[in-house]
PDB file of N, CA and C in Angstrom:
ATOM      1  N   MET A   1     -76.322 -19.846 -24.641  1.00  0.00           N
ATOM      2  CA  MET A   1     -76.855 -20.674 -25.695  1.00  0.00           C
ATOM      3  C   MET A   1     -77.075 -19.862 -26.968  1.00  0.00           C
ATOM      4  N   ALA A   2     -77.303 -18.586 -26.819  1.00  0.00           N
ATOM      5  CA  ALA A   2     -77.623 -17.772 -27.988  1.00  0.00           C
ATOM      6  C   ALA A   2     -76.495 -17.739 -29.010  1.00  0.00           C
ATOM      7  N   GLY A   3     -75.263 -17.846 -28.567  1.00  0.00           N
ATOM      8  CA  GLY A   3     -74.143 -17.781 -29.486  1.00  0.00           C
ATOM      9  C   GLY A   3     -73.627 -19.127 -29.942  1.00  0.00           C
ATOM     10  N   ALA A   4     -74.272 -20.205 -29.515  1.00  0.00           N
ATOM     11  CA  ALA A   4     -73.775 -21.547 -29.850  1.00  0.00           C
ATOM     12  C   ALA A   4     -73.909 -21.867 -31.338  1.00  0.00           C
ATOM     13  N   ALA A   5     -75.008 -21.499 -31.949  1.00  0.00           N
ATOM     14  CA  ALA A   5     -75.234 -21.819 -33.364  1.00  0.00           C
ATOM     15  C   ALA A   5     -74.195 -21.158 -34.279  1.00  0.00           C
ATOM     16  N   PRO A   6     -73.920 -19.870 -34.127  1.00  0.00           N
ATOM     17  CA  PRO A   6     -72.898 -19.264 -34.998  1.00  0.00           C
ATOM     18  C   PRO A   6     -71.504 -19.875 -34.806  1.00  0.00           C
ATOM     19  N   LEU A   7     -71.161 -20.219 -33.563  1.00  0.00           N
ATOM     20  CA  LEU A   7     -69.858 -20.838 -33.318  1.00  0.00           C
ATOM     21  C   LEU A   7     -69.777 -22.222 -33.953  1.00  0.00           C
ATOM     22  N   LEU A   8     -70.851 -22.975 -33.829  1.00  0.00           N
ATOM     23  CA  LEU A   8     -70.889 -24.304 -34.437  1.00  0.00           C
ATOM     24  C   LEU A   8     -70.844 -24.201 -35.961  1.00  0.00           C
ATOM     25  N   LYS A   9     -71.529 -23.221 -36.509  1.00  0.00           N
ATOM     26  CA  LYS A   9     -71.554 -23.023 -37.960  1.00  0.00           C
ATOM     27  C   LYS A   9     -70.157 -22.680 -38.488  1.00  0.00           C
ATOM     28  N   GLN A  10     -69.379 -21.937 -37.717  1.00  0.00           N
ATOM     29  CA  GLN A  10     -68.016 -21.610 -38.128  1.00  0.00           C
ATOM     30  C   GLN A  10     -67.156 -22.867 -38.234  1.00  0.00           C
ATOM     31  N   GLN A  11     -67.409 -23.821 -37.372  1.00  0.00           N
ATOM     32  CA  GLN A  11     -66.629 -25.062 -37.376  1.00  0.00           C
ATOM     33  C   GLN A  11     -67.119 -26.066 -38.417  1.00  0.00           C
ATOM     34  N   ARG A  12     -68.411 -26.018 -38.717  1.00  0.00           N
ATOM     35  CA  ARG A  12     -69.024 -26.987 -39.638  1.00  0.00           C
ATOM     36  C   ARG A  12     -69.725 -26.246 -40.774  1.00  0.00           C
ATOM     37  N   LEU A  13     -68.961 -25.724 -41.698  1.00  0.00           N
ATOM     38  CA  LEU A  13     -69.513 -24.900 -42.781  1.00  0.00           C
ATOM     39  C   LEU A  13     -70.475 -25.667 -43.681  1.00  0.00           C
ATOM     40  N   ASP A  14     -70.318 -26.980 -43.774  1.00  0.00           N
ATOM     41  CA  ASP A  14     -71.167 -27.766 -44.667  1.00  0.00           C
ATOM     42  C   ASP A  14     -72.490 -28.189 -44.032  1.00  0.00           C
ATOM     43  N   TRP A  15     -72.676 -27.937 -42.736  1.00  0.00           N
ATOM     44  CA  TRP A  15     -73.910 -28.336 -42.054  1.00  0.00           C
ATOM     45  C   TRP A  15     -75.051 -27.379 -42.401  1.00  0.00           C
ATOM     46  N   THR A  16     -76.238 -27.936 -42.610  1.00  0.00           N
ATOM     47  CA  THR A  16     -77.424 -27.119 -42.867  1.00  0.00           C
ATOM     48  C   THR A  16     -78.010 -26.649 -41.536  1.00  0.00           C
ATOM     49  N   PHE A  17     -78.996 -25.755 -41.620  1.00  0.00           N
ATOM     50  CA  PHE A  17     -79.660 -25.265 -40.414  1.00  0.00           C
ATOM     51  C   PHE A  17     -80.289 -26.414 -39.634  1.00  0.00           C
ATOM     52  N   ARG A  18     -80.918 -27.334 -40.346  1.00  0.00           N
ATOM     53  CA  ARG A  18     -81.565 -28.472 -39.670  1.00  0.00           C
ATOM     54  C   ARG A  18     -80.568 -29.344 -38.921  1.00  0.00           C
ATOM     55  N   VAL A  19     -79.413 -29.560 -39.518  1.00  0.00           N
ATOM     56  CA  VAL A  19     -78.385 -30.374 -38.858  1.00  0.00           C
ATOM     57  C   VAL A  19     -77.840 -29.641 -37.636  1.00  0.00           C
ATOM     58  N   LEU A  20     -77.598 -28.342 -37.765  1.00  0.00           N
ATOM     59  CA  LEU A  20     -77.124 -27.548 -36.629  1.00  0.00           C
ATOM     60  C   LEU A  20     -78.129 -27.588 -35.481  1.00  0.00           C
ATOM     61  N   LYS A  21     -79.395 -27.391 -35.800  1.00  0.00           N
ATOM     62  CA  LYS A  21     -80.435 -27.399 -34.774  1.00  0.00           C
ATOM     63  C   LYS A  21     -80.516 -28.759 -34.087  1.00  0.00           C
ATOM     64  N   ALA A  22     -80.459 -29.817 -34.881  1.00  0.00           N
ATOM     65  CA  ALA A  22     -80.525 -31.166 -34.317  1.00  0.00           C
ATOM     66  C   ALA A  22     -79.343 -31.425 -33.383  1.00  0.00           C
ATOM     67  N   ALA A  23     -78.170 -30.961 -33.754  1.00  0.00           N
ATOM     68  CA  ALA A  23     -76.991 -31.151 -32.910  1.00  0.00           C
ATOM     69  C   ALA A  23     -77.130 -30.405 -31.594  1.00  0.00           C
ATOM     70  N   LEU A  24     -77.666 -29.191 -31.646  1.00  0.00           N
ATOM     71  CA  LEU A  24     -77.839 -28.408 -30.426  1.00  0.00           C
ATOM     72  C   LEU A  24     -78.932 -28.984 -29.530  1.00  0.00           C
ATOM     73  N   VAL A  25     -80.035 -29.384 -30.122  1.00  0.00           N
ATOM     74  CA  VAL A  25     -81.155 -29.928 -29.352  1.00  0.00           C
ATOM     75  C   VAL A  25     -80.782 -31.262 -28.715  1.00  0.00           C
ATOM     76  N   SER A  26     -80.092 -32.109 -29.467  1.00  0.00           N
ATOM     77  CA  SER A  26     -79.753 -33.437 -28.945  1.00  0.00           C
ATOM     78  C   SER A  26     -78.681 -33.389 -27.869  1.00  0.00           C
ATOM     79  N   SER A  27     -77.931 -32.299 -27.804  1.00  0.00           N
ATOM     80  CA  SER A  27     -76.887 -32.197 -26.789  1.00  0.00           C
ATOM     81  C   SER A  27     -77.329 -31.383 -25.576  1.00  0.00           C
ATOM     82  N   ALA A  28     -78.549 -30.865 -25.604  1.00  0.00           N
ATOM     83  CA  ALA A  28     -79.061 -30.078 -24.478  1.00  0.00           C
ATOM     84  C   ALA A  28     -79.359 -30.979 -23.288  1.00  0.00           C
ATOM     85  N   LYS A  29     -79.187 -30.427 -22.098  1.00  0.00           N
ATOM     86  CA  LYS A  29     -79.485 -31.170 -20.876  1.00  0.00           C
ATOM     87  C   LYS A  29     -80.791 -30.652 -20.301  1.00  0.00           C
ATOM     88  N   GLY A  30     -81.643 -31.553 -19.894  1.00  0.00           N
ATOM     89  CA  GLY A  30     -82.931 -31.180 -19.317  1.00  0.00           C
ATOM     90  C   GLY A  30     -82.790 -30.638 -17.906  1.00  0.00           C
ATOM     91  N   GLY A  31     -83.784 -29.890 -17.499  1.00  0.00           N
ATOM     92  CA  GLY A  31     -83.806 -29.333 -16.152  1.00  0.00           C
ATOM     93  C   GLY A  31     -85.159 -29.545 -15.514  1.00  0.00           C
ATOM     94  N   ASP A  32     -85.282 -29.154 -14.284  1.00  0.00           N
ATOM     95  CA  ASP A  32     -86.540 -29.314 -13.565  1.00  0.00           C
ATOM     96  C   ASP A  32     -87.336 -28.009 -13.525  1.00  0.00           C
ATOM     97  N   TYR A  33     -87.254 -27.238 -14.590  1.00  0.00           N
ATOM     98  CA  TYR A  33     -87.967 -25.965 -14.666  1.00  0.00           C
ATOM     99  C   TYR A  33     -88.600 -25.806 -16.039  1.00  0.00           C
ATOM    100  N   THR A  34     -89.551 -24.911 -16.128  1.00  0.00           N
ATOM    101  CA  THR A  34     -90.228 -24.666 -17.394  1.00  0.00           C
ATOM    102  C   THR A  34     -89.428 -23.660 -18.218  1.00  0.00           C
ATOM    103  N   PRO A  35     -89.715 -23.526 -19.510  1.00  0.00           N
ATOM    104  CA  PRO A  35     -88.984 -22.551 -20.342  1.00  0.00           C
ATOM    105  C   PRO A  35     -89.200 -21.113 -19.901  1.00  0.00           C
ATOM    106  N   TYR A  36     -90.228 -20.872 -19.083  1.00  0.00           N
ATOM    107  CA  TYR A  36     -90.539 -19.502 -18.672  1.00  0.00           C
ATOM    108  C   TYR A  36     -89.856 -19.117 -17.359  1.00  0.00           C
ATOM    109  N   GLU A  37     -89.204 -20.056 -16.719  1.00  0.00           N
ATOM    110  CA  GLU A  37     -88.470 -19.778 -15.511  1.00  0.00           C
ATOM    111  C   GLU A  37     -87.002 -19.586 -15.866  1.00  0.00           C
ATOM    112  N   SER A  38     -86.313 -18.785 -15.079  1.00  0.00           N
ATOM    113  CA  SER A  38     -84.884 -18.634 -15.294  1.00  0.00           C
ATOM    114  C   SER A  38     -84.154 -18.990 -14.003  1.00  0.00           C
ATOM    115  N   ARG A  39     -83.009 -19.577 -14.180  1.00  0.00           N
ATOM    116  CA  ARG A  39     -82.196 -19.961 -13.020  1.00  0.00           C
ATOM    117  C   ARG A  39     -80.882 -19.198 -13.112  1.00  0.00           C
ATOM    118  N   PRO A  40     -80.430 -18.641 -12.004  1.00  0.00           N
ATOM    119  CA  PRO A  40     -79.137 -17.913 -12.036  1.00  0.00           C
ATOM    120  C   PRO A  40     -77.961 -18.812 -12.272  1.00  0.00           C
TER     121      PRO A  40
END
């Protein structure tokens, strides 16, 4: 996920940070764990 924003920005040069963030957040899939847990 860490590299998704720069890759998306390369494809959509006219998008602002807010639009990029909204696109990433809205396309994320939920899980049954907290942000402090990691799954392999």
